[in-house]
N, C-alpha and C. Protein backbone atom coordinates (compact mmCIF):
# COMPACT_ATOMS: atom_id res chain seq x y z
N MET A 1 -122.63 -72.89 58.52
CA MET A 1 -123.21 -74.35 58.48
C MET A 1 -124.36 -74.32 57.92
N ALA A 2 -124.98 -75.32 56.81
CA ALA A 2 -125.97 -75.77 56.54
C ALA A 2 -127.02 -76.45 57.28
N SER A 3 -128.48 -75.89 57.41
CA SER A 3 -129.25 -76.79 58.02
C SER A 3 -129.73 -77.81 57.53
N SER A 4 -129.83 -78.97 58.24
CA SER A 4 -130.36 -80.34 58.04
C SER A 4 -131.84 -80.46 58.16
N ARG A 5 -132.40 -79.29 58.32
CA ARG A 5 -133.72 -79.46 58.15
C ARG A 5 -134.45 -79.32 57.16
N SER A 6 -135.23 -80.14 56.60
CA SER A 6 -135.89 -79.86 55.26
C SER A 6 -137.39 -79.17 55.51
N PRO A 7 -137.48 -78.49 54.58
CA PRO A 7 -138.59 -77.37 54.32
C PRO A 7 -140.15 -78.37 54.36
N CYS A 8 -141.36 -77.59 55.07
CA CYS A 8 -142.28 -78.34 54.99
C CYS A 8 -142.88 -78.08 53.69
N GLY A 9 -144.22 -79.02 53.16
CA GLY A 9 -144.56 -78.71 52.07
C GLY A 9 -144.89 -77.31 51.43
N ALA A 10 -145.80 -76.72 52.49
CA ALA A 10 -146.09 -75.43 52.15
C ALA A 10 -144.74 -74.60 51.71
N CYS A 11 -143.67 -74.60 52.43
CA CYS A 11 -142.41 -73.66 52.19
C CYS A 11 -141.78 -74.21 50.43
N LYS A 12 -141.74 -75.63 50.59
CA LYS A 12 -141.25 -76.18 49.42
C LYS A 12 -141.81 -75.61 47.97
N PHE A 13 -143.37 -75.41 48.14
CA PHE A 13 -144.38 -74.86 47.18
C PHE A 13 -144.04 -73.55 46.96
N LEU A 14 -144.21 -72.74 47.97
CA LEU A 14 -143.73 -71.47 47.79
C LEU A 14 -142.11 -71.07 47.76
N ARG A 15 -141.06 -71.91 47.56
CA ARG A 15 -139.55 -71.90 47.45
C ARG A 15 -139.40 -70.83 48.26
N ARG A 16 -139.37 -71.13 49.34
CA ARG A 16 -138.69 -70.26 50.79
C ARG A 16 -138.24 -71.17 51.63
N LYS A 17 -137.34 -70.59 52.55
CA LYS A 17 -136.81 -71.27 53.79
C LYS A 17 -137.99 -71.50 54.82
N CYS A 18 -137.94 -72.79 55.18
CA CYS A 18 -138.59 -73.00 56.24
C CYS A 18 -138.15 -72.80 57.86
N VAL A 19 -138.72 -71.87 58.35
CA VAL A 19 -138.05 -71.11 59.57
C VAL A 19 -138.78 -71.85 60.79
N ILE A 20 -138.06 -71.82 61.92
CA ILE A 20 -138.47 -72.32 63.09
C ILE A 20 -139.75 -71.84 63.52
N GLY A 21 -140.69 -72.38 63.65
CA GLY A 21 -142.22 -71.84 63.95
C GLY A 21 -142.92 -71.68 62.98
N CYS A 22 -142.43 -71.97 61.75
CA CYS A 22 -143.16 -71.71 60.18
C CYS A 22 -144.50 -72.24 60.74
N ILE A 23 -145.78 -71.78 60.26
CA ILE A 23 -147.38 -72.08 60.83
C ILE A 23 -147.78 -73.00 59.93
N PHE A 24 -147.01 -73.37 58.77
CA PHE A 24 -147.45 -74.63 58.10
C PHE A 24 -146.70 -75.78 58.23
N GLU A 25 -145.80 -75.79 58.98
CA GLU A 25 -144.78 -76.66 59.19
C GLU A 25 -145.51 -78.31 59.74
N PRO A 26 -146.47 -77.64 60.96
CA PRO A 26 -146.90 -79.00 61.40
C PRO A 26 -147.90 -79.82 60.79
N TYR A 27 -148.48 -78.95 59.63
CA TYR A 27 -149.73 -79.57 58.85
C TYR A 27 -149.54 -79.95 57.57
N PHE A 28 -147.91 -79.49 57.02
CA PHE A 28 -147.64 -80.14 55.64
C PHE A 28 -146.45 -80.75 55.71
N SER A 29 -145.74 -81.21 56.75
CA SER A 29 -144.70 -81.92 56.56
C SER A 29 -144.62 -83.46 56.42
N TYR A 30 -144.97 -83.81 55.34
CA TYR A 30 -144.95 -84.99 54.81
C TYR A 30 -145.09 -85.41 53.33
N GLU A 31 -145.10 -86.51 52.90
CA GLU A 31 -144.58 -86.82 51.51
C GLU A 31 -145.46 -85.62 50.74
N GLU A 32 -146.88 -85.61 50.76
CA GLU A 32 -147.70 -84.92 49.59
C GLU A 32 -148.18 -83.55 50.28
N GLY A 33 -147.40 -83.18 51.17
CA GLY A 33 -147.46 -81.84 51.77
C GLY A 33 -147.32 -81.04 50.69
N ALA A 34 -146.62 -80.69 50.06
CA ALA A 34 -146.35 -79.87 48.80
C ALA A 34 -147.61 -79.81 48.08
N THR A 35 -148.08 -80.83 47.76
CA THR A 35 -148.75 -81.11 46.72
C THR A 35 -150.49 -80.88 47.30
N HIS A 36 -150.74 -81.07 48.28
CA HIS A 36 -151.82 -80.65 48.98
C HIS A 36 -151.58 -79.20 49.33
N PHE A 37 -150.76 -78.47 49.72
CA PHE A 37 -150.86 -77.19 49.87
C PHE A 37 -150.75 -76.46 48.33
N SER A 38 -150.31 -76.89 47.35
CA SER A 38 -150.67 -76.25 46.16
C SER A 38 -151.97 -75.92 45.74
N VAL A 39 -152.73 -76.89 46.24
CA VAL A 39 -154.22 -76.97 46.03
C VAL A 39 -154.80 -75.91 46.78
N ILE A 40 -154.68 -75.50 48.10
CA ILE A 40 -155.11 -74.90 49.28
C ILE A 40 -154.83 -73.49 48.56
N HIS A 41 -153.26 -73.17 48.06
CA HIS A 41 -152.71 -71.97 47.62
C HIS A 41 -153.51 -71.44 46.51
N LYS A 42 -153.70 -72.75 45.35
CA LYS A 42 -154.79 -72.12 44.30
C LYS A 42 -155.99 -71.69 44.57
N VAL A 43 -156.72 -71.98 45.48
CA VAL A 43 -158.07 -71.74 45.67
C VAL A 43 -157.88 -70.63 46.72
N PHE A 44 -157.46 -70.53 47.78
CA PHE A 44 -157.63 -69.44 49.09
C PHE A 44 -156.21 -68.46 48.91
N GLY A 45 -155.02 -69.05 48.79
CA GLY A 45 -154.13 -68.39 48.85
C GLY A 45 -153.34 -68.32 50.08
N ALA A 46 -151.91 -68.41 50.05
CA ALA A 46 -151.10 -68.67 51.14
C ALA A 46 -151.44 -67.70 52.45
N SER A 47 -151.63 -66.29 51.99
CA SER A 47 -151.49 -65.33 53.29
C SER A 47 -152.73 -65.65 53.68
N ASN A 48 -153.73 -65.91 53.33
CA ASN A 48 -155.38 -66.00 53.65
C ASN A 48 -155.34 -67.39 54.62
N VAL A 49 -154.71 -68.17 54.34
CA VAL A 49 -154.54 -69.59 55.09
C VAL A 49 -153.62 -69.42 56.09
N SER A 50 -152.66 -68.64 56.05
CA SER A 50 -151.78 -68.21 56.98
C SER A 50 -152.52 -67.60 58.31
N ASN A 51 -153.12 -66.56 57.72
CA ASN A 51 -153.95 -65.46 58.88
C ASN A 51 -155.04 -66.25 59.53
N LEU A 52 -155.77 -67.22 58.61
CA LEU A 52 -156.89 -68.25 59.59
C LEU A 52 -156.14 -69.24 60.45
N LEU A 53 -155.03 -69.88 59.71
CA LEU A 53 -154.33 -70.60 61.31
C LEU A 53 -153.67 -69.85 62.25
N ALA A 54 -153.21 -68.76 62.04
CA ALA A 54 -152.91 -67.82 63.13
C ALA A 54 -153.77 -67.60 64.11
N HIS A 55 -154.97 -67.26 63.74
CA HIS A 55 -155.92 -66.94 64.50
C HIS A 55 -156.95 -67.77 65.33
N LEU A 56 -156.56 -69.27 65.01
CA LEU A 56 -156.96 -70.20 65.68
C LEU A 56 -156.60 -70.68 66.83
N PRO A 57 -156.94 -71.26 67.58
CA PRO A 57 -156.29 -72.06 68.88
C PRO A 57 -155.23 -73.06 68.21
N LEU A 58 -154.14 -73.66 68.75
CA LEU A 58 -153.44 -74.57 68.52
C LEU A 58 -154.01 -76.13 68.37
N SER A 59 -155.21 -76.25 69.15
CA SER A 59 -155.87 -77.44 69.11
C SER A 59 -156.94 -77.71 67.89
N ASP A 60 -157.02 -76.56 67.56
CA ASP A 60 -158.10 -76.60 66.21
C ASP A 60 -157.45 -76.55 64.75
N ARG A 61 -156.14 -76.15 64.57
CA ARG A 61 -155.36 -75.90 63.42
C ARG A 61 -155.50 -77.00 62.25
N CYS A 62 -154.94 -78.31 63.21
CA CYS A 62 -154.89 -79.45 62.41
C CYS A 62 -156.32 -79.98 61.53
N GLU A 63 -157.24 -79.83 62.44
CA GLU A 63 -158.67 -79.79 62.05
C GLU A 63 -159.18 -79.17 60.58
N ALA A 64 -158.47 -77.94 61.19
CA ALA A 64 -158.65 -76.44 60.22
C ALA A 64 -157.91 -76.79 58.60
N ALA A 65 -156.67 -77.00 58.97
CA ALA A 65 -155.67 -77.70 57.78
C ALA A 65 -156.51 -78.61 56.86
N THR A 66 -156.90 -79.40 57.54
CA THR A 66 -157.45 -80.99 56.81
C THR A 66 -158.93 -80.39 55.86
N THR A 67 -159.83 -79.65 56.94
CA THR A 67 -160.68 -78.99 56.27
C THR A 67 -160.74 -77.93 54.96
N ILE A 68 -159.50 -77.37 54.84
CA ILE A 68 -159.27 -76.40 54.05
C ILE A 68 -159.01 -77.15 52.86
N TRP A 69 -158.41 -78.23 53.13
CA TRP A 69 -157.65 -78.83 51.77
C TRP A 69 -158.85 -79.59 51.12
N HIS A 70 -159.99 -80.40 52.10
CA HIS A 70 -160.92 -80.64 51.19
C HIS A 70 -161.82 -79.88 51.00
N GLU A 71 -161.88 -78.48 51.39
CA GLU A 71 -163.00 -77.62 50.40
C GLU A 71 -162.04 -77.30 49.25
N ALA A 72 -160.99 -76.70 49.25
CA ALA A 72 -160.23 -76.47 48.12
C ALA A 72 -160.15 -77.31 46.99
N VAL A 73 -160.12 -78.69 47.38
CA VAL A 73 -160.26 -79.88 46.68
C VAL A 73 -161.78 -79.93 45.94
N ALA A 74 -162.82 -79.51 46.82
CA ALA A 74 -164.13 -79.47 45.97
C ALA A 74 -164.16 -78.42 45.38
N ARG A 75 -163.87 -77.22 45.84
CA ARG A 75 -163.92 -75.99 45.04
C ARG A 75 -163.35 -76.04 43.55
N LEU A 76 -162.17 -76.79 43.26
CA LEU A 76 -161.63 -76.98 42.19
C LEU A 76 -162.53 -78.25 41.26
N GLN A 77 -163.27 -79.16 41.82
CA GLN A 77 -163.90 -79.97 41.18
C GLN A 77 -165.14 -79.51 40.82
N ASP A 78 -165.64 -78.52 41.34
CA ASP A 78 -166.60 -77.88 41.61
C ASP A 78 -166.70 -76.24 41.76
N PRO A 79 -166.52 -75.44 40.63
CA PRO A 79 -165.97 -74.44 41.00
C PRO A 79 -167.46 -73.44 41.55
N ILE A 80 -168.46 -73.72 41.54
CA ILE A 80 -169.66 -72.93 41.51
C ILE A 80 -170.38 -73.21 43.13
N TYR A 81 -170.43 -74.76 43.45
CA TYR A 81 -171.23 -75.21 44.60
C TYR A 81 -169.87 -75.96 45.51
N GLY A 82 -168.62 -76.22 45.03
CA GLY A 82 -167.54 -76.58 46.19
C GLY A 82 -168.13 -77.78 47.22
N CYS A 83 -167.95 -77.82 48.41
CA CYS A 83 -168.19 -79.09 48.84
C CYS A 83 -169.67 -79.10 49.06
N VAL A 84 -170.77 -77.83 48.82
CA VAL A 84 -172.28 -78.25 49.11
C VAL A 84 -172.64 -78.78 48.02
N SER A 85 -172.26 -79.39 47.18
CA SER A 85 -172.54 -80.30 46.03
C SER A 85 -172.62 -81.62 46.60
N HIS A 86 -171.55 -82.02 47.09
CA HIS A 86 -171.47 -83.12 48.05
C HIS A 86 -172.41 -83.40 48.94
N ILE A 87 -172.37 -82.55 50.09
CA ILE A 87 -173.46 -82.38 51.27
C ILE A 87 -174.76 -82.71 50.46
N ILE A 88 -175.17 -82.03 49.39
CA ILE A 88 -176.38 -82.44 48.57
C ILE A 88 -176.65 -83.32 48.51
N ALA A 89 -175.51 -84.18 47.88
CA ALA A 89 -175.66 -85.68 47.40
C ALA A 89 -175.81 -86.50 48.70
N LEU A 90 -175.20 -86.22 49.60
CA LEU A 90 -175.27 -87.08 51.04
C LEU A 90 -176.59 -86.85 51.44
N LYS A 91 -177.21 -85.90 51.34
CA LYS A 91 -178.92 -85.41 51.90
C LYS A 91 -179.67 -86.21 50.99
N GLN A 92 -179.33 -86.19 49.66
CA GLN A 92 -180.27 -87.18 48.92
C GLN A 92 -180.31 -88.25 49.17
N GLN A 93 -178.85 -89.12 49.22
CA GLN A 93 -178.66 -90.39 49.59
C GLN A 93 -179.34 -91.04 51.17
N VAL A 94 -179.60 -90.00 52.02
CA VAL A 94 -180.25 -90.33 53.23
C VAL A 94 -181.64 -90.24 52.51
N VAL A 95 -182.01 -89.45 52.09
CA VAL A 95 -183.70 -89.47 51.62
C VAL A 95 -184.06 -90.47 51.28
N ASN A 96 -183.06 -91.08 50.23
CA ASN A 96 -183.35 -92.36 49.24
C ASN A 96 -183.28 -93.53 50.10
N LEU A 97 -182.27 -93.68 50.76
CA LEU A 97 -182.32 -94.61 52.16
C LEU A 97 -183.62 -94.72 53.35
N GLN A 98 -183.95 -93.29 53.63
CA GLN A 98 -185.02 -93.42 54.34
C GLN A 98 -186.52 -94.21 53.25
N ALA A 99 -186.38 -93.77 52.29
CA ALA A 99 -187.65 -94.28 51.36
C ALA A 99 -187.69 -95.76 51.42
N GLN A 100 -186.33 -96.17 50.98
CA GLN A 100 -186.16 -97.58 50.98
C GLN A 100 -186.65 -98.41 52.26
N LEU A 101 -186.15 -97.86 53.44
CA LEU A 101 -186.24 -98.36 54.63
C LEU A 101 -188.13 -98.28 54.82
N ALA A 102 -188.91 -97.05 54.64
CA ALA A 102 -190.10 -97.12 54.73
C ALA A 102 -190.86 -98.06 53.92
N PHE A 103 -190.27 -98.13 52.38
CA PHE A 103 -190.65 -99.46 51.72
C PHE A 103 -190.67 -100.85 52.17
N LEU A 104 -189.53 -101.68 52.46
CA LEU A 104 -189.19 -102.46 53.26
C LEU A 104 -189.78 -102.70 54.42
N LYS A 105 -190.27 -101.86 55.12
CA LYS A 105 -190.90 -101.91 56.71
C LYS A 105 -192.59 -102.21 55.86
N ASP A 106 -193.06 -101.59 55.12
CA ASP A 106 -194.38 -101.93 54.40
C ASP A 106 -194.35 -102.91 53.87
N GLN A 107 -193.52 -103.24 53.02
CA GLN A 107 -193.20 -104.95 52.44
C GLN A 107 -193.23 -106.02 53.56
N ALA A 108 -192.57 -105.65 54.75
CA ALA A 108 -192.35 -106.73 55.65
C ALA A 108 -193.68 -106.79 56.42
N TYR A 109 -194.61 -105.67 56.52
CA TYR A 109 -195.81 -105.76 57.11
C TYR A 109 -196.97 -106.56 56.29
N ALA A 110 -196.60 -106.08 54.97
CA ALA A 110 -197.14 -106.82 53.89
C ALA A 110 -197.27 -108.50 53.78
N VAL A 111 -196.01 -108.48 54.09
CA VAL A 111 -195.86 -110.37 54.19
C VAL A 111 -196.03 -110.98 55.46
N ALA A 112 -195.98 -109.83 56.26
CA ALA A 112 -196.60 -110.81 57.93
C ALA A 112 -198.08 -110.70 58.05
N ASN A 113 -198.62 -109.64 57.43
CA ASN A 113 -200.06 -109.68 57.21
C ASN A 113 -200.59 -109.48 55.71
N PRO A 114 -200.91 -110.74 55.12
CA PRO A 114 -201.15 -110.80 53.79
C PRO A 114 -202.84 -110.57 53.75
N ASN A 115 -203.68 -110.46 54.88
CA ASN A 115 -204.96 -110.12 54.40
C ASN A 115 -205.38 -108.60 54.69
N ASP A 116 -204.44 -107.75 55.02
CA ASP A 116 -204.42 -106.24 54.98
C ASP A 116 -204.48 -106.07 53.74
N GLN A 117 -205.21 -105.30 53.39
CA GLN A 117 -205.74 -104.58 51.93
C GLN A 117 -204.67 -103.32 51.85
N SER A 118 -204.60 -102.54 53.13
CA SER A 118 -204.00 -101.31 52.96
C SER A 118 -202.56 -101.36 52.49
N ALA A 119 -201.94 -102.57 53.12
CA ALA A 119 -200.15 -102.72 53.09
C ALA A 119 -200.01 -102.96 51.44
N HIS A 120 -201.09 -103.65 50.75
CA HIS A 120 -200.97 -104.04 49.14
C HIS A 120 -201.02 -102.76 48.51
N ASP A 121 -201.95 -102.14 48.83
CA ASP A 121 -202.42 -100.75 48.02
C ASP A 121 -201.28 -99.68 48.19
N LEU A 122 -200.42 -99.68 49.71
CA LEU A 122 -199.59 -98.55 49.88
C LEU A 122 -198.28 -99.09 48.46
N GLN A 123 -197.96 -100.30 48.68
CA GLN A 123 -196.98 -100.93 47.82
C GLN A 123 -197.22 -101.12 46.47
N ALA A 124 -198.39 -101.06 45.85
CA ALA A 124 -198.88 -100.66 44.73
C ALA A 124 -198.45 -99.07 44.30
N TYR A 125 -199.01 -98.58 45.23
CA TYR A 125 -198.93 -96.98 44.87
C TYR A 125 -197.23 -96.65 44.63
N MET A 126 -196.40 -97.18 45.71
CA MET A 126 -194.82 -96.92 45.57
C MET A 126 -194.45 -97.16 44.30
N GLU A 127 -194.78 -98.37 43.94
CA GLU A 127 -194.12 -99.15 42.85
C GLU A 127 -194.54 -98.24 41.41
N GLU A 128 -196.06 -98.11 41.54
CA GLU A 128 -196.61 -97.25 40.29
C GLU A 128 -195.74 -95.86 40.15
N CYS A 129 -195.24 -95.40 41.22
CA CYS A 129 -194.97 -93.79 41.20
C CYS A 129 -193.34 -94.12 41.12
N ASP A 130 -192.69 -95.08 41.35
CA ASP A 130 -191.37 -95.64 41.15
C ASP A 130 -190.61 -94.80 42.11
N LEU A 131 -190.82 -94.97 43.29
CA LEU A 131 -190.31 -94.17 44.31
C LEU A 131 -188.80 -94.77 44.91
N ILE A 132 -188.76 -96.40 44.62
CA ILE A 132 -187.78 -96.79 45.16
C ILE A 132 -187.20 -97.69 43.96
N ASN A 133 -185.84 -97.67 43.85
CA ASN A 133 -184.67 -98.26 43.11
C ASN A 133 -184.01 -99.32 43.78
N GLU A 134 -184.17 -100.39 42.80
CA GLU A 134 -183.48 -101.39 43.26
C GLU A 134 -184.01 -102.29 44.52
N ILE A 135 -185.22 -102.49 44.84
CA ILE A 135 -185.76 -102.73 46.00
C ILE A 135 -185.76 -104.49 45.51
N PRO A 136 -185.19 -104.97 46.51
CA PRO A 136 -185.39 -106.44 46.42
C PRO A 136 -186.55 -107.16 46.32
N LYS A 137 -187.27 -108.04 45.70
CA LYS A 137 -188.46 -108.61 45.82
C LYS A 137 -188.70 -109.92 46.95
N CYS A 138 -189.20 -110.09 47.85
CA CYS A 138 -188.94 -110.96 48.76
C CYS A 138 -190.04 -111.65 48.89
N SER A 139 -190.13 -113.01 49.01
CA SER A 139 -191.25 -113.88 48.77
C SER A 139 -191.73 -114.19 50.75
N ASN A 140 -190.98 -114.27 51.35
CA ASN A 140 -190.97 -114.56 52.69
C ASN A 140 -190.59 -113.22 53.72
N TYR A 141 -190.88 -113.41 55.14
CA TYR A 141 -190.34 -112.53 55.77
C TYR A 141 -188.97 -112.87 56.22
N GLU A 142 -188.24 -113.99 56.11
CA GLU A 142 -186.97 -114.06 56.58
C GLU A 142 -186.11 -113.36 55.42
N ASP A 143 -186.36 -113.51 54.09
CA ASP A 143 -185.44 -112.90 52.94
C ASP A 143 -185.80 -111.33 53.36
N LEU A 144 -186.87 -110.78 53.40
CA LEU A 144 -187.15 -109.72 53.68
C LEU A 144 -186.09 -108.94 54.79
N VAL A 145 -186.04 -109.46 55.93
CA VAL A 145 -185.08 -109.19 57.36
C VAL A 145 -183.59 -109.31 56.45
N THR A 146 -183.56 -110.26 55.83
CA THR A 146 -181.92 -110.40 55.12
C THR A 146 -181.82 -109.17 54.43
N SER A 147 -182.67 -108.96 53.41
CA SER A 147 -182.29 -108.13 52.11
C SER A 147 -182.21 -106.59 53.39
N LEU A 148 -183.09 -106.09 54.32
CA LEU A 148 -182.82 -105.06 55.09
C LEU A 148 -181.27 -104.84 55.59
N THR A 149 -181.03 -106.36 56.32
CA THR A 149 -179.65 -106.11 57.03
C THR A 149 -178.47 -105.95 55.91
N LEU A 150 -178.72 -106.42 54.82
CA LEU A 150 -177.63 -106.30 53.71
C LEU A 150 -177.80 -104.73 53.34
N MET A 151 -178.74 -104.47 53.29
CA MET A 151 -178.94 -102.82 52.72
C MET A 151 -178.35 -101.89 53.83
N ARG A 152 -178.32 -102.25 55.05
CA ARG A 152 -178.15 -101.50 56.00
C ARG A 152 -176.29 -101.73 55.96
N ALA A 153 -175.78 -102.72 55.89
CA ALA A 153 -174.45 -103.31 55.99
C ALA A 153 -173.72 -102.30 54.50
N ASN A 154 -174.71 -102.27 53.49
CA ASN A 154 -174.08 -101.83 52.30
C ASN A 154 -173.82 -100.12 52.29
N ALA A 155 -174.94 -99.61 52.90
CA ALA A 155 -174.90 -98.32 53.26
C ALA A 155 -173.97 -97.97 54.43
N HIS A 156 -173.35 -98.70 55.09
CA HIS A 156 -172.04 -98.58 56.56
C HIS A 156 -172.93 -97.41 57.43
N ILE A 157 -174.27 -97.80 57.77
CA ILE A 157 -174.65 -97.02 58.83
C ILE A 157 -175.30 -98.00 59.55
N ASN A 158 -175.72 -97.83 60.78
CA ASN A 158 -175.93 -98.65 61.76
C ASN A 158 -177.74 -98.46 62.27
N GLU A 159 -178.00 -97.17 61.99
CA GLU A 159 -179.44 -96.93 62.11
C GLU A 159 -179.60 -95.63 61.41
N ILE A 160 -180.62 -95.91 60.27
CA ILE A 160 -181.31 -95.11 59.44
C ILE A 160 -182.33 -94.10 60.04
N PRO A 161 -182.25 -92.82 60.09
CA PRO A 161 -181.41 -91.99 59.00
C PRO A 161 -179.99 -91.38 60.04
N GLU A 162 -179.47 -91.83 61.05
CA GLU A 162 -178.34 -91.22 61.60
C GLU A 162 -177.04 -91.29 60.50
N CYS A 163 -176.46 -90.63 60.60
CA CYS A 163 -175.17 -90.60 59.76
C CYS A 163 -173.94 -91.20 60.76
N SER A 164 -173.23 -91.71 59.86
CA SER A 164 -171.88 -92.28 60.48
C SER A 164 -171.03 -90.72 60.95
N ASN A 165 -170.19 -90.75 61.69
CA ASN A 165 -168.93 -89.87 62.13
C ASN A 165 -167.40 -90.37 61.83
N ALA A 166 -167.66 -90.60 60.68
CA ALA A 166 -166.11 -91.20 60.57
C ALA A 166 -165.35 -90.08 60.31
N GLN A 167 -163.98 -90.40 60.73
CA GLN A 167 -163.02 -89.19 60.46
C GLN A 167 -162.35 -89.28 59.14
N SER A 168 -161.72 -88.05 58.65
CA SER A 168 -160.83 -88.28 57.60
C SER A 168 -159.64 -88.84 57.60
N SER A 169 -159.22 -89.93 56.93
CA SER A 169 -157.97 -90.12 56.98
C SER A 169 -156.94 -89.58 56.09
N TRP A 170 -157.23 -88.14 56.00
CA TRP A 170 -155.97 -87.54 55.16
C TRP A 170 -154.61 -87.26 55.83
N ARG A 171 -154.45 -86.73 56.90
CA ARG A 171 -153.37 -86.57 57.51
C ARG A 171 -153.44 -86.90 59.05
N LYS A 172 -152.63 -87.33 59.79
CA LYS A 172 -153.03 -87.36 61.22
C LYS A 172 -151.82 -86.39 61.83
N CYS A 173 -152.63 -85.54 62.78
CA CYS A 173 -151.49 -84.34 63.35
C CYS A 173 -151.18 -84.72 64.60
């Protein structure tokens, strides 16, 4: 009697029968499972991933499978740095946003205190060094607060420099 059970994406890719208790089945049984597993297999190898998942507690395996896939994709895109290049880019974005925030705070202080020369000196120095890119020029305090609010909304963060803790929507286990 033929089994009505369809193989998981990993077993489809490896062209083998998906047995009951397959270590890959809970994490690659979806439409793109074979495609995602092919990337993982190309970078890490099926045996290595199987051993890794087998040595993890069941509660951590879903997150591990997702992370392994992201790392494999990053390694294919950037064979030298892998996911580290994305981390470096995010850190640079945090530094840029912190510099923009500092500049806007100084600009707000300069608008609120037009007689204070130190605020004008700092603003001139930052503009001369080109430390800030695409900072809006504001003529009054209300415009400055509005532009700061828009920058925060566009950056999708609540408080600078804290990072958002968004979860990946790759696959829900």
